[in-house]
C-alpha atoms as a PDB file:
ATOM      1  CA  MET A   1      41.493  62.097  84.233  1.00  0.00           C
ATOM      2  CA  CYS A   2      44.160  63.592  86.511  1.00  0.00           C
ATOM      3  CA  GLU A   3      47.700  63.774  85.195  1.00  0.00           C
ATOM      4  CA  LYS A   4      50.101  61.307  86.723  1.00  0.00           C
ATOM      5  CA  MET A   5      52.216  62.990  89.402  1.00  0.00           C
ATOM      6  CA  VAL A   6      55.912  63.149  88.554  1.00  0.00           C
ATOM      7  CA  ASN A   7      58.723  63.795  91.023  1.00  0.00           C
ATOM      8  CA  LYS A   8      60.328  67.108  90.182  1.00  0.00           C
ATOM      9  CA  GLY A   9      64.094  67.343  89.878  1.00  0.00           C
ATOM     10  CA  LYS A  10      66.275  69.927  91.560  1.00  0.00           C
ATOM     11  CA  ILE A  11      66.982  73.294  89.952  1.00  0.00           C
ATOM     12  CA  LEU A  12      70.194  74.624  91.495  1.00  0.00           C
ATOM     13  CA  ILE A  13      70.555  78.412  91.474  1.00  0.00           C
ATOM     14  CA  THR A  14      74.203  78.826  92.448  1.00  0.00           C
ATOM     15  CA  ILE A  15      74.529  82.633  92.374  1.00  0.00           C
ATOM     16  CA  GLY A  16      74.627  84.646  95.608  1.00  0.00           C
ATOM     17  CA  PRO A  17      71.651  86.492  97.099  1.00  0.00           C
ATOM     18  CA  GLU A  18      72.497  89.939  95.702  1.00  0.00           C
ATOM     19  CA  ARG A  19      72.849  88.665  92.170  1.00  0.00           C
ATOM     20  CA  HIS A  20      69.709  86.565  92.611  1.00  0.00           C
ATOM     21  CA  ALA A  21      67.737  89.661  93.611  1.00  0.00           C
ATOM     22  CA  GLU A  22      69.025  91.475  90.493  1.00  0.00           C
ATOM     23  CA  LEU A  23      67.928  88.729  88.127  1.00  0.00           C
ATOM     24  CA  PHE A  24      64.856  86.936  89.397  1.00  0.00           C
ATOM     25  CA  ARG A  25      61.514  88.555  89.947  1.00  0.00           C
ATOM     26  CA  PRO A  26      59.009  86.461  91.911  1.00  0.00           C
ATOM     27  CA  GLU A  27      57.197  85.594  88.682  1.00  0.00           C
ATOM     28  CA  ALA A  28      60.360  84.138  87.146  1.00  0.00           C
ATOM     29  CA  GLU A  29      61.165  82.031  90.182  1.00  0.00           C
ATOM     30  CA  LEU A  30      57.566  80.837  90.322  1.00  0.00           C
ATOM     31  CA  LYS A  31      57.892  79.603  86.736  1.00  0.00           C
ATOM     32  CA  LEU A  32      60.978  77.603  87.743  1.00  0.00           C
ATOM     33  CA  LYS A  33      59.166  76.144  90.742  1.00  0.00           C
ATOM     34  CA  GLN A  34      56.486  74.842  88.413  1.00  0.00           C
ATOM     35  CA  VAL A  35      59.011  72.557  86.700  1.00  0.00           C
ATOM     36  CA  GLY A  36      61.407  71.714  89.535  1.00  0.00           C
ATOM     37  CA  VAL A  37      62.424  72.104  93.161  1.00  0.00           C
ATOM     38  CA  VAL A  38      64.431  75.336  93.358  1.00  0.00           C
ATOM     39  CA  ILE A  39      67.463  75.115  95.647  1.00  0.00           C
ATOM     40  CA  ARG A  40      69.811  77.988  96.406  1.00  0.00           C
ATOM     41  CA  ASN A  41      72.041  79.216  99.195  1.00  0.00           C
ATOM     42  CA  PRO A  42      70.364  82.307 100.701  1.00  0.00           C
ATOM     43  CA  LYS A  43      73.621  83.575 102.236  1.00  0.00           C
ATOM     44  CA  ALA A  44      76.280  83.207  99.547  1.00  0.00           C
ATOM     45  CA  GLU A  45      77.209  81.664  96.209  1.00  0.00           C
ATOM     46  CA  MET A  46      76.703  77.939  96.346  1.00  0.00           C
ATOM     47  CA  PRO A  47      80.120  76.368  97.058  1.00  0.00           C
ATOM     48  CA  PRO A  48      81.343  73.344  95.045  1.00  0.00           C
ATOM     49  CA  GLU A  49      80.723  70.900  97.866  1.00  0.00           C
ATOM     50  CA  GLU A  50      77.089  71.999  98.148  1.00  0.00           C
ATOM     51  CA  ILE A  51      76.595  71.699  94.387  1.00  0.00           C
ATOM     52  CA  MET A  52      78.105  68.223  94.552  1.00  0.00           C
ATOM     53  CA  SER A  53      75.727  67.228  97.360  1.00  0.00           C
ATOM     54  CA  HIS A  54      72.738  67.995  95.110  1.00  0.00           C
ATOM     55  CA  ILE A  55      74.167  67.046  91.723  1.00  0.00           C
ATOM     56  CA  GLU A  56      72.686  63.560  91.366  1.00  0.00           C
ATOM     57  CA  GLY A  57      69.143  64.905  91.631  1.00  0.00           C
ATOM     58  CA  ALA A  58      69.769  68.118  89.697  1.00  0.00           C
ATOM     59  CA  VAL A  59      67.968  68.644  86.398  1.00  0.00           C
ATOM     60  CA  ALA A  60      69.103  72.251  85.912  1.00  0.00           C
ATOM     61  CA  ILE A  61      71.941  74.495  87.096  1.00  0.00           C
ATOM     62  CA  ILE A  62      71.719  78.285  86.895  1.00  0.00           C
ATOM     63  CA  GLY A  63      74.812  80.355  87.655  1.00  0.00           C
ATOM     64  CA  THR A  64      78.505  80.775  86.906  1.00  0.00           C
ATOM     65  CA  GLN A  65      80.224  78.174  89.099  1.00  0.00           C
ATOM     66  CA  PRO A  66      82.712  75.739  87.513  1.00  0.00           C
ATOM     67  CA  LEU A  67      81.264  72.543  86.080  1.00  0.00           C
ATOM     68  CA  PRO A  68      84.245  70.186  85.666  1.00  0.00           C
ATOM     69  CA  LYS A  69      84.132  66.706  84.179  1.00  0.00           C
ATOM     70  CA  GLU A  70      83.947  64.886  87.506  1.00  0.00           C
ATOM     71  CA  LEU A  71      80.884  66.869  88.550  1.00  0.00           C
ATOM     72  CA  LEU A  72      79.102  66.462  85.220  1.00  0.00           C
ATOM     73  CA  LEU A  73      79.717  62.713  85.237  1.00  0.00           C
ATOM     74  CA  LYS A  74      77.804  62.511  88.535  1.00  0.00           C
ATOM     75  CA  ALA A  75      74.964  64.626  87.110  1.00  0.00           C
ATOM     76  CA  GLU A  76      72.849  61.684  86.019  1.00  0.00           C
ATOM     77  CA  ASN A  77      69.677  63.721  85.492  1.00  0.00           C
ATOM     78  CA  LEU A  78      71.087  67.094  84.423  1.00  0.00           C
ATOM     79  CA  LYS A  79      69.291  68.464  81.366  1.00  0.00           C
ATOM     80  CA  VAL A  80      70.228  72.137  81.150  1.00  0.00           C
ATOM     81  CA  VAL A  81      72.788  74.679  82.363  1.00  0.00           C
ATOM     82  CA  ALA A  82      72.008  78.402  82.115  1.00  0.00           C
ATOM     83  CA  GLU A  83      74.827  80.843  82.731  1.00  0.00           C
ATOM     84  CA  THR A  84      74.133  84.315  84.126  1.00  0.00           C
ATOM     85  CA  SER A  85      77.183  86.295  82.985  1.00  0.00           C
ATOM     86  CA  GLY A  86      76.437  86.847  79.291  1.00  0.00           C
ATOM     87  CA  SER A  87      79.144  84.647  77.755  1.00  0.00           C
ATOM     88  CA  PHE A  88      79.842  80.976  77.368  1.00  0.00           C
ATOM     89  CA  ARG A  89      82.234  80.246  80.220  1.00  0.00           C
ATOM     90  CA  ARG A  90      85.622  78.563  80.074  1.00  0.00           C
ATOM     91  CA  ASN A  91      85.034  76.700  83.345  1.00  0.00           C
ATOM     92  CA  ILE A  92      82.586  74.158  81.899  1.00  0.00           C
ATOM     93  CA  ASP A  93      83.687  70.833  80.449  1.00  0.00           C
ATOM     94  CA  TYR A  94      81.712  71.236  77.228  1.00  0.00           C
ATOM     95  CA  GLU A  95      82.843  67.962  75.691  1.00  0.00           C
ATOM     96  CA  THR A  96      81.441  65.986  78.616  1.00  0.00           C
ATOM     97  CA  ALA A  97      78.275  68.092  78.676  1.00  0.00           C
ATOM     98  CA  PHE A  98      77.631  67.558  74.973  1.00  0.00           C
ATOM     99  CA  LYS A  99      78.248  63.816  75.245  1.00  0.00           C
ATOM    100  CA  LYS A 100      75.631  63.659  77.996  1.00  0.00           C
ATOM    101  CA  GLY A 101      73.153  65.704  75.962  1.00  0.00           C
ATOM    102  CA  ILE A 102      73.147  68.621  78.426  1.00  0.00           C
ATOM    103  CA  VAL A 103      71.863  71.877  76.927  1.00  0.00           C
ATOM    104  CA  ILE A 104      74.053  74.870  77.801  1.00  0.00           C
ATOM    105  CA  LEU A 105      72.555  78.342  77.431  1.00  0.00           C
ATOM    106  CA  ARG A 106      73.993  81.819  77.629  1.00  0.00           C
ATOM    107  CA  CYS A 107      71.994  84.929  78.453  1.00  0.00           C
ATOM    108  CA  GLY A 108      73.678  87.477  76.166  1.00  0.00           C
ATOM    109  CA  THR A 109      70.491  87.930  74.151  1.00  0.00           C
ATOM    110  CA  ALA A 110      68.868  89.514  77.208  1.00  0.00           C
ATOM    111  CA  PHE A 111      71.321  92.424  76.903  1.00  0.00           C
ATOM    112  CA  ALA A 112      70.854  92.945  73.161  1.00  0.00           C
ATOM    113  CA  SER A 113      68.410  95.843  73.167  1.00  0.00           C
ATOM    114  CA  ALA A 114      70.176  97.720  75.963  1.00  0.00           C
ATOM    115  CA  VAL A 115      73.620  97.343  74.375  1.00  0.00           C
ATOM    116  CA  ALA A 116      72.329  98.284  70.924  1.00  0.00           C
ATOM    117  CA  GLU A 117      70.650 101.414  72.295  1.00  0.00           C
ATOM    118  CA  MET A 118      73.837 102.361  74.144  1.00  0.00           C
ATOM    119  CA  ALA A 119      75.922 101.855  71.010  1.00  0.00           C
ATOM    120  CA  LEU A 120      73.598 104.108  69.024  1.00  0.00           C
ATOM    121  CA  THR A 121      73.557 106.701  71.813  1.00  0.00           C
ATOM    122  CA  LEU A 122      77.362 106.835  71.900  1.00  0.00           C
ATOM    123  CA  ALA A 123      77.579 107.158  68.126  1.00  0.00           C
ATOM    124  CA  LEU A 124      75.101 110.046  68.094  1.00  0.00           C
ATOM    125  CA  ALA A 125      76.914 111.721  70.982  1.00  0.00           C
ATOM    126  CA  LEU A 126      80.164 111.537  69.008  1.00  0.00           C
ATOM    127  CA  ALA A 127      78.606 112.607  65.720  1.00  0.00           C
ATOM    128  CA  ARG A 128      77.061 115.691  67.319  1.00  0.00           C
ATOM    129  CA  ASN A 129      79.857 116.427  69.831  1.00  0.00           C
ATOM    130  CA  ILE A 130      77.321 116.404  72.673  1.00  0.00           C
ATOM    131  CA  VAL A 131      79.804 115.629  75.447  1.00  0.00           C
ATOM    132  CA  LYS A 132      82.184 118.341  74.224  1.00  0.00           C
ATOM    133  CA  TYR A 133      79.384 120.921  74.073  1.00  0.00           C
ATOM    134  CA  ASP A 134      78.130 120.005  77.529  1.00  0.00           C
ATOM    135  CA  LYS A 135      81.622 120.404  78.979  1.00  0.00           C
ATOM    136  CA  GLN A 136      82.078 123.751  77.247  1.00  0.00           C
ATOM    137  CA  MET A 137      78.733 125.000  78.510  1.00  0.00           C
ATOM    138  CA  GLY A 138      79.650 124.027  82.050  1.00  0.00           C
ATOM    139  CA  GLU A 139      82.966 125.853  81.755  1.00  0.00           C
ATOM    140  CA  GLY A 140      81.489 128.859  79.945  1.00  0.00           C
ATOM    141  CA  THR A 141      83.840 128.364  77.000  1.00  0.00           C
ATOM    142  CA  GLU A 142      81.286 127.477  74.323  1.00  0.00           C
ATOM    143  CA  GLU A 143      81.213 129.132  70.902  1.00  0.00           C
ATOM    144  CA  TRP A 144      77.794 130.023  69.544  1.00  0.00           C
ATOM    145  CA  LYS A 145      78.440 128.884  66.019  1.00  0.00           C
ATOM    146  CA  ARG A 146      78.232 125.722  63.975  1.00  0.00           C
ATOM    147  CA  LEU A 147      81.267 123.447  64.108  1.00  0.00           C
ATOM    148  CA  PRO A 148      82.254 121.851  60.788  1.00  0.00           C
ATOM    149  CA  ASP A 149      82.777 118.322  62.132  1.00  0.00           C
ATOM    150  CA  ASP A 150      79.220 117.670  63.373  1.00  0.00           C
ATOM    151  CA  PHE A 151      77.217 115.336  61.134  1.00  0.00           C
ATOM    152  CA  GLU A 152      73.942 113.418  60.904  1.00  0.00           C
ATOM    153  CA  LEU A 153      73.611 109.707  60.183  1.00  0.00           C
ATOM    154  CA  ARG A 154      71.277 110.149  57.232  1.00  0.00           C
ATOM    155  CA  GLY A 155      73.030 109.269  54.010  1.00  0.00           C
ATOM    156  CA  LYS A 156      76.234 108.149  55.736  1.00  0.00           C
ATOM    157  CA  GLN A 157      77.745 104.690  55.529  1.00  0.00           C
ATOM    158  CA  VAL A 158      77.521 102.896  58.847  1.00  0.00           C
ATOM    159  CA  GLY A 159      79.570  99.735  59.334  1.00  0.00           C
ATOM    160  CA  ILE A 160      78.758  96.990  61.828  1.00  0.00           C
ATOM    161  CA  VAL A 161      81.423  94.465  62.827  1.00  0.00           C
ATOM    162  CA  GLY A 162      79.601  91.411  64.186  1.00  0.00           C
ATOM    163  CA  LEU A 163      75.994  90.430  63.564  1.00  0.00           C
ATOM    164  CA  GLY A 164      75.041  88.582  66.711  1.00  0.00           C
ATOM    165  CA  SER A 165      72.002  89.524  68.768  1.00  0.00           C
ATOM    166  CA  VAL A 166      73.304  93.051  69.442  1.00  0.00           C
ATOM    167  CA  GLY A 167      74.248  93.704  65.832  1.00  0.00           C
ATOM    168  CA  ARG A 168      70.863  92.553  64.580  1.00  0.00           C
ATOM    169  CA  MET A 169      69.062  94.706  67.134  1.00  0.00           C
ATOM    170  CA  LEU A 170      71.182  97.689  66.121  1.00  0.00           C
ATOM    171  CA  ILE A 171      70.222  97.205  62.480  1.00  0.00           C
ATOM    172  CA  LYS A 172      66.576  97.653  63.472  1.00  0.00           C
ATOM    173  CA  LEU A 173      67.394 100.847  65.350  1.00  0.00           C
ATOM    174  CA  LEU A 174      69.500 102.291  62.531  1.00  0.00           C
ATOM    175  CA  LYS A 175      67.203 101.701  59.571  1.00  0.00           C
ATOM    176  CA  PRO A 176      64.899 104.693  60.248  1.00  0.00           C
ATOM    177  CA  PHE A 177      67.924 107.034  60.125  1.00  0.00           C
ATOM    178  CA  GLY A 178      68.346 106.537  56.404  1.00  0.00           C
ATOM    179  CA  ALA A 179      71.993 105.521  56.636  1.00  0.00           C
ATOM    180  CA  HIS A 180      73.632 103.057  54.262  1.00  0.00           C
ATOM    181  CA  LEU A 181      74.302  99.962  56.375  1.00  0.00           C
ATOM    182  CA  CYS A 182      77.104  97.511  55.723  1.00  0.00           C
ATOM    183  CA  ALA A 183      78.437  94.694  57.877  1.00  0.00           C
ATOM    184  CA  TYR A 184      81.282  92.258  58.365  1.00  0.00           C
ATOM    185  CA  ASP A 185      80.702  88.863  59.953  1.00  0.00           C
ATOM    186  CA  PRO A 186      82.791  85.903  58.747  1.00  0.00           C
ATOM    187  CA  TRP A 187      80.416  83.455  60.466  1.00  0.00           C
ATOM    188  CA  LEU A 188      77.530  84.381  58.183  1.00  0.00           C
ATOM    189  CA  PRO A 189      77.236  83.941  54.399  1.00  0.00           C
ATOM    190  CA  ASP A 190      76.995  87.111  52.352  1.00  0.00           C
ATOM    191  CA  ALA A 191      73.623  86.000  50.966  1.00  0.00           C
ATOM    192  CA  TYR A 192      72.142  85.856  54.473  1.00  0.00           C
ATOM    193  CA  ILE A 193      73.546  89.270  55.416  1.00  0.00           C
ATOM    194  CA  MET A 194      72.164  90.803  52.246  1.00  0.00           C
ATOM    195  CA  GLU A 195      68.841  89.013  51.802  1.00  0.00           C
ATOM    196  CA  VAL A 196      67.708  88.351  55.374  1.00  0.00           C
ATOM    197  CA  LEU A 197      69.320  91.172  57.374  1.00  0.00           C
ATOM    198  CA  GLU A 198      69.106  93.554  54.405  1.00  0.00           C
ATOM    199  CA  VAL A 199      72.503  95.164  54.821  1.00  0.00           C
ATOM    200  CA  GLU A 200      75.483  95.148  52.473  1.00  0.00           C
ATOM    201  CA  PRO A 201      78.179  92.568  53.257  1.00  0.00           C
ATOM    202  CA  ARG A 202      81.721  93.981  53.250  1.00  0.00           C
ATOM    203  CA  ASP A 203      85.124  92.618  54.144  1.00  0.00           C
ATOM    204  CA  LEU A 204      86.675  94.228  57.216  1.00  0.00           C
ATOM    205  CA  ASP A 205      89.180  96.402  55.370  1.00  0.00           C
ATOM    206  CA  ALA A 206      86.545  97.827  53.038  1.00  0.00           C
ATOM    207  CA  LEU A 207      84.169  98.478  55.935  1.00  0.00           C
ATOM    208  CA  LEU A 208      86.806 100.350  57.937  1.00  0.00           C
ATOM    209  CA  ARG A 209      87.999 102.304  54.913  1.00  0.00           C
ATOM    210  CA  THR A 210      84.568 103.515  53.777  1.00  0.00           C
ATOM    211  CA  SER A 211      82.402 103.888  56.902  1.00  0.00           C
ATOM    212  CA  LYS A 212      81.684 107.178  58.625  1.00  0.00           C
ATOM    213  CA  VAL A 213      80.459 105.348  61.736  1.00  0.00           C
ATOM    214  CA  ILE A 214      81.875 101.981  62.826  1.00  0.00           C
ATOM    215  CA  PHE A 215      80.333  99.757  65.503  1.00  0.00           C
ATOM    216  CA  VAL A 216      82.403  96.906  66.963  1.00  0.00           C
ATOM    217  CA  LEU A 217      79.944  94.295  68.252  1.00  0.00           C
ATOM    218  CA  ALA A 218      81.588  90.912  67.647  1.00  0.00           C
ATOM    219  CA  GLY A 219      82.266  88.170  70.157  1.00  0.00           C
ATOM    220  CA  VAL A 220      85.871  87.228  70.887  1.00  0.00           C
ATOM    221  CA  THR A 221      87.250  84.033  69.352  1.00  0.00           C
ATOM    222  CA  LYS A 222      90.687  82.474  69.136  1.00  0.00           C
ATOM    223  CA  GLU A 223      90.902  83.888  65.627  1.00  0.00           C
ATOM    224  CA  ASN A 224      89.888  87.536  66.072  1.00  0.00           C
ATOM    225  CA  VAL A 225      91.862  88.829  69.057  1.00  0.00           C
ATOM    226  CA  HIS A 226      93.175  92.267  67.964  1.00  0.00           C
ATOM    227  CA  MET A 227      91.384  91.883  64.647  1.00  0.00           C
ATOM    228  CA  ILE A 228      91.511  95.668  64.513  1.00  0.00           C
ATOM    229  CA  GLY A 229      95.178  96.506  64.969  1.00  0.00           C
ATOM    230  CA  ALA A 230      97.456  99.328  63.827  1.00  0.00           C
ATOM    231  CA  ARG A 231      97.082  98.476  60.129  1.00  0.00           C
ATOM    232  CA  GLU A 232      93.290  98.324  60.325  1.00  0.00           C
ATOM    233  CA  LEU A 233      93.064 101.493  62.382  1.00  0.00           C
ATOM    234  CA  ASP A 234      95.075 103.328  59.732  1.00  0.00           C
ATOM    235  CA  LEU A 235      92.322 102.483  57.244  1.00  0.00           C
ATOM    236  CA  ILE A 236      89.751 104.534  59.166  1.00  0.00           C
ATOM    237  CA  HIS A 237      89.376 107.862  57.431  1.00  0.00           C
ATOM    238  CA  PRO A 238      89.546 111.205  59.257  1.00  0.00           C
ATOM    239  CA  GLU A 239      86.373 112.453  60.982  1.00  0.00           C
ATOM    240  CA  ALA A 240      85.019 108.928  61.349  1.00  0.00           C
ATOM    241  CA  VAL A 241      83.439 107.608  64.545  1.00  0.00           C
ATOM    242  CA  LEU A 242      84.341 104.275  66.197  1.00  0.00           C
ATOM    243  CA  VAL A 243      82.233 102.664  68.954  1.00  0.00           C
ATOM    244  CA  ASN A 244      83.211  99.513  70.883  1.00  0.00           C
ATOM    245  CA  VAL A 245      80.624  98.078  73.271  1.00  0.00           C
ATOM    246  CA  ALA A 246      81.608  94.437  72.704  1.00  0.00           C
ATOM    247  CA  ARG A 247      84.986  93.154  73.946  1.00  0.00           C
ATOM    248  CA  ALA A 248      88.222  95.084  74.389  1.00  0.00           C
ATOM    249  CA  ARG A 249      90.316  92.222  73.009  1.00  0.00           C
ATOM    250  CA  LEU A 250      88.886  92.797  69.533  1.00  0.00           C
ATOM    251  CA  ILE A 251      90.966  95.970  69.217  1.00  0.00           C
ATOM    252  CA  ASP A 252      94.641  96.577  69.921  1.00  0.00           C
ATOM    253  CA  TYR A 253      94.121  99.352  72.456  1.00  0.00           C
ATOM    254  CA  GLU A 254      97.759 100.505  72.393  1.00  0.00           C
ATOM    255  CA  ALA A 255      97.455 101.023  68.648  1.00  0.00           C
ATOM    256  CA  LEU A 256      94.039 102.629  69.146  1.00  0.00           C
ATOM    257  CA  ILE A 257      95.456 105.182  71.560  1.00  0.00           C
ATOM    258  CA  GLU A 258      98.117 106.143  69.012  1.00  0.00           C
ATOM    259  CA  ARG A 259      95.415 106.496  66.332  1.00  0.00           C
ATOM    260  CA  ILE A 260      93.259 108.644  68.601  1.00  0.00           C
ATOM    261  CA  LYS A 261      96.197 110.921  69.403  1.00  0.00           C
ATOM    262  CA  ARG A 262      96.210 112.117  65.806  1.00  0.00           C
ATOM    263  CA  GLY A 263      93.022 113.940  66.744  1.00  0.00           C
ATOM    264  CA  ASP A 264      91.114 113.230  63.543  1.00  0.00           C
ATOM    265  CA  ILE A 265      88.715 110.461  64.686  1.00  0.00           C
ATOM    266  CA  ARG A 266      86.287 110.204  67.578  1.00  0.00           C
ATOM    267  CA  VAL A 267      85.953 107.069  69.687  1.00  0.00           C
ATOM    268  CA  ALA A 268      83.548 105.743  72.339  1.00  0.00           C
ATOM    269  CA  LEU A 269      84.551 102.796  74.535  1.00  0.00           C
ATOM    270  CA  ASP A 270      82.492 100.877  77.077  1.00  0.00           C
ATOM    271  CA  VAL A 271      84.939  97.975  77.481  1.00  0.00           C
ATOM    272  CA  PHE A 272      88.601  97.899  78.430  1.00  0.00           C
ATOM    273  CA  GLU A 273      91.485  95.439  78.571  1.00  0.00           C
ATOM    274  CA  GLU A 274      91.757  96.067  82.317  1.00  0.00           C
ATOM    275  CA  GLU A 275      88.644  96.768  84.364  1.00  0.00           C
ATOM    276  CA  PRO A 276      88.240  98.887  86.383  1.00  0.00           C
ATOM    277  CA  LEU A 277      90.256 101.198  84.137  1.00  0.00           C
ATOM    278  CA  PRO A 278      93.364 102.423  86.034  1.00  0.00           C
ATOM    279  CA  LYS A 279      93.108 106.026  87.214  1.00  0.00           C
ATOM    280  CA  ASP A 280      96.242 106.981  85.277  1.00  0.00           C
ATOM    281  CA  HIS A 281      95.313 105.197  82.043  1.00  0.00           C
ATOM    282  CA  PRO A 282      96.193 107.285  78.968  1.00  0.00           C
ATOM    283  CA  LEU A 283      92.657 106.937  77.572  1.00  0.00           C
ATOM    284  CA  ARG A 284      91.432 109.190  80.373  1.00  0.00           C
ATOM    285  CA  LYS A 285      93.611 112.029  79.099  1.00  0.00           C
ATOM    286  CA  LEU A 286      92.324 112.113  75.519  1.00  0.00           C
ATOM    287  CA  ASP A 287      89.810 114.756  74.467  1.00  0.00           C
ATOM    288  CA  ASN A 288      88.122 113.060  71.519  1.00  0.00           C
ATOM    289  CA  VAL A 289      86.990 109.997  73.459  1.00  0.00           C
ATOM    290  CA  ILE A 290      83.842 109.105  75.382  1.00  0.00           C
ATOM    291  CA  LEU A 291      84.418 106.500  78.096  1.00  0.00           C
ATOM    292  CA  THR A 292      81.744 104.593  80.012  1.00  0.00           C
ATOM    293  CA  PRO A 293      82.434 101.964  82.711  1.00  0.00           C
ATOM    294  CA  HIS A 294      81.117  98.805  80.991  1.00  0.00           C
ATOM    295  CA  ARG A 295      77.495  99.876  81.457  1.00  0.00           C
ATOM    296  CA  ALA A 296      76.053  99.226  77.990  1.00  0.00           C
ATOM    297  CA  GLY A 297      73.930  96.318  79.199  1.00  0.00           C
ATOM    298  CA  GLY A 298      73.866  97.185  82.871  1.00  0.00           C
ATOM    299  CA  LEU A 299      70.236  98.162  83.359  1.00  0.00           C
ATOM    300  CA  ALA A 300      67.881  96.824  85.990  1.00  0.00           C
ATOM    301  CA  GLU A 301      65.410  95.846  83.275  1.00  0.00           C
ATOM    302  CA  SER A 302      68.130  93.984  81.367  1.00  0.00           C
ATOM    303  CA  TYR A 303      69.036  92.004  84.472  1.00  0.00           C
ATOM    304  CA  PHE A 304      65.407  91.073  85.089  1.00  0.00           C
ATOM    305  CA  ARG A 305      65.145  90.072  81.442  1.00  0.00           C
ATOM    306  CA  ILE A 306      67.981  87.595  82.084  1.00  0.00           C
ATOM    307  CA  GLY A 307      65.938  85.989  84.842  1.00  0.00           C
ATOM    308  CA  ASP A 308      62.811  85.942  82.708  1.00  0.00           C
ATOM    309  CA  TYR A 309      64.614  84.389  79.736  1.00  0.00           C
ATOM    310  CA  ILE A 310      66.313  81.786  81.921  1.00  0.00           C
ATOM    311  CA  ALA A 311      63.052  80.832  83.628  1.00  0.00           C
ATOM    312  CA  ASN A 312      61.306  80.431  80.290  1.00  0.00           C
ATOM    313  CA  ASP A 313      64.042  78.474  78.551  1.00  0.00           C
ATOM    314  CA  VAL A 314      64.922  76.214  81.474  1.00  0.00           C
ATOM    315  CA  SER A 315      61.219  75.390  81.653  1.00  0.00           C
ATOM    316  CA  GLN A 316      61.190  74.712  77.927  1.00  0.00           C
ATOM    317  CA  VAL A 317      64.105  72.282  78.107  1.00  0.00           C
ATOM    318  CA  LEU A 318      62.734  70.470  81.147  1.00  0.00           C
ATOM    319  CA  LYS A 319      59.488  69.974  79.249  1.00  0.00           C
ATOM    320  CA  GLY A 320      61.424  68.420  76.372  1.00  0.00           C
ATOM    321  CA  LEU A 321      61.141  71.516  74.152  1.00  0.00           C
ATOM    322  CA  LYS A 322      63.716  73.748  72.474  1.00  0.00           C
ATOM    323  CA  PRO A 323      64.897  76.968  74.179  1.00  0.00           C
ATOM    324  CA  VAL A 324      63.520  80.076  72.488  1.00  0.00           C
ATOM    325  CA  PHE A 325      65.112  83.124  74.148  1.00  0.00           C
ATOM    326  CA  LEU A 326      68.724  82.202  74.963  1.00  0.00           C
ATOM    327  CA  GLU A 327      71.581  81.042  72.758  1.00  0.00           C
ATOM    328  CA  GLU A 328      72.416  77.352  72.913  1.00  0.00           C
ATOM    329  CA  ALA A 329      76.055  76.263  72.894  1.00  0.00           C
ATOM    330  CA  ARG A 330      77.251  74.249  69.903  1.00  0.00           C
ATOM    331  CA  MET A 331      80.579  72.477  69.662  1.00  0.00           C
ATOM    332  CA  ASP A 332      81.534  74.227  66.410  1.00  0.00           C
ATOM    333  CA  VAL A 333      81.057  77.596  68.133  1.00  0.00           C
ATOM    334  CA  ILE A 334      82.671  76.635  71.443  1.00  0.00           C
ATOM    335  CA  SER A 335      85.764  75.275  69.654  1.00  0.00           C
ATOM    336  CA  LYS A 336      86.308  78.716  68.126  1.00  0.00           C
ATOM    337  CA  LEU A 337      85.750  80.637  71.338  1.00  0.00           C
ATOM    338  CA  PHE A 338      88.358  78.885  73.462  1.00  0.00           C
END
C-alpha cells in the first residue's frame, strides 16, 4: 500500500550564497529536500522580512540570523533550528524556543577533528621548535647542534582544559604518544573523566603547575572569562608549552603577554581578543610564539562536514527522531553561556 502523501514544510536556509556553497554539497541539500521544501535567497543572506514571510510554514531554519520572540511566536510549525557558526548564538530567544519545543543545534562538533589536529600540530611545533628552525634555515643562521629545550611528548604530562568534542577528539590523538594525560572540566564528574575518558582529573591549578604541555579547549561561559589570569599563568613552569585554539576570552591576554616576555615558555594562539589581530599588536613582536589567524577549524572538508551534519540531524528531527551529530541546546547550558 502506498504511503499517504504529506505536505512538506519549509526549510529556510538563511545564509548567503557564498557561505551556502562552502557548507552544502548537492548530496546534503538533496537530503534536506527529501524532508522539506528548501527555500533560500540565491543573492544574499535572507533578510528578516523574508524570513517572516515564510515563518508560519517553516519547519526548520538553518543559518545565523536573529530569532527574536516575536518571530518564534509566529513559527507555528517550527521544529528545529541549526546554526552554522559553531556556537550557540546570543540572538535567539531560547526561553521561547524551549517553551515551544523547538530543537536548537550547533555545529561545533563538525570542527572537532580539524581543531584537535591543529592543536596537536601546534604543540608539536612548539615542542620541537620547528618554526624557529625553519626561520633560521631561511636566514642561514641555524646551528647544527641539538638544542636543550626540544622535547618529545612521550612520558610528559599533558593537560587538557575543557573536554567538549575537541578535547575528547584530542585525547584519541594523544594516547598513542605515551604521554600522561590529565584534564580539567568542572562540568564533568571526576569519575566520568577517569573511567570513561580514561584521563586523570585535576583541578586547574594542579594541571597548570604540573603539565609540560597545556591545551586550552573550553567553551566560554559567564563563569570562566579570564579563568587563566596572571596568577594562573605564574603557575606554569618554565619550558612548558601552552596552546589556545578555543576562545581568547578564556585567558587574560595582557597577562599572557607579560608571562611570555619572560622568555621561558612557548605559546601557540589561534584565537585573539580582537580579530583580525592589529598589525601593531605586541604578540606579533614576540619570538617564542606561534600565531595562526583563527584557522584551526577552517578547512573545506570541515565546512562540508557542517552541511552534512546539519542535513542529517535536521532530517532526524523532522522525522521525530533525536539528532545524532550536532549538539542540542539545553537550558542549563545556555544559562551558563550568556
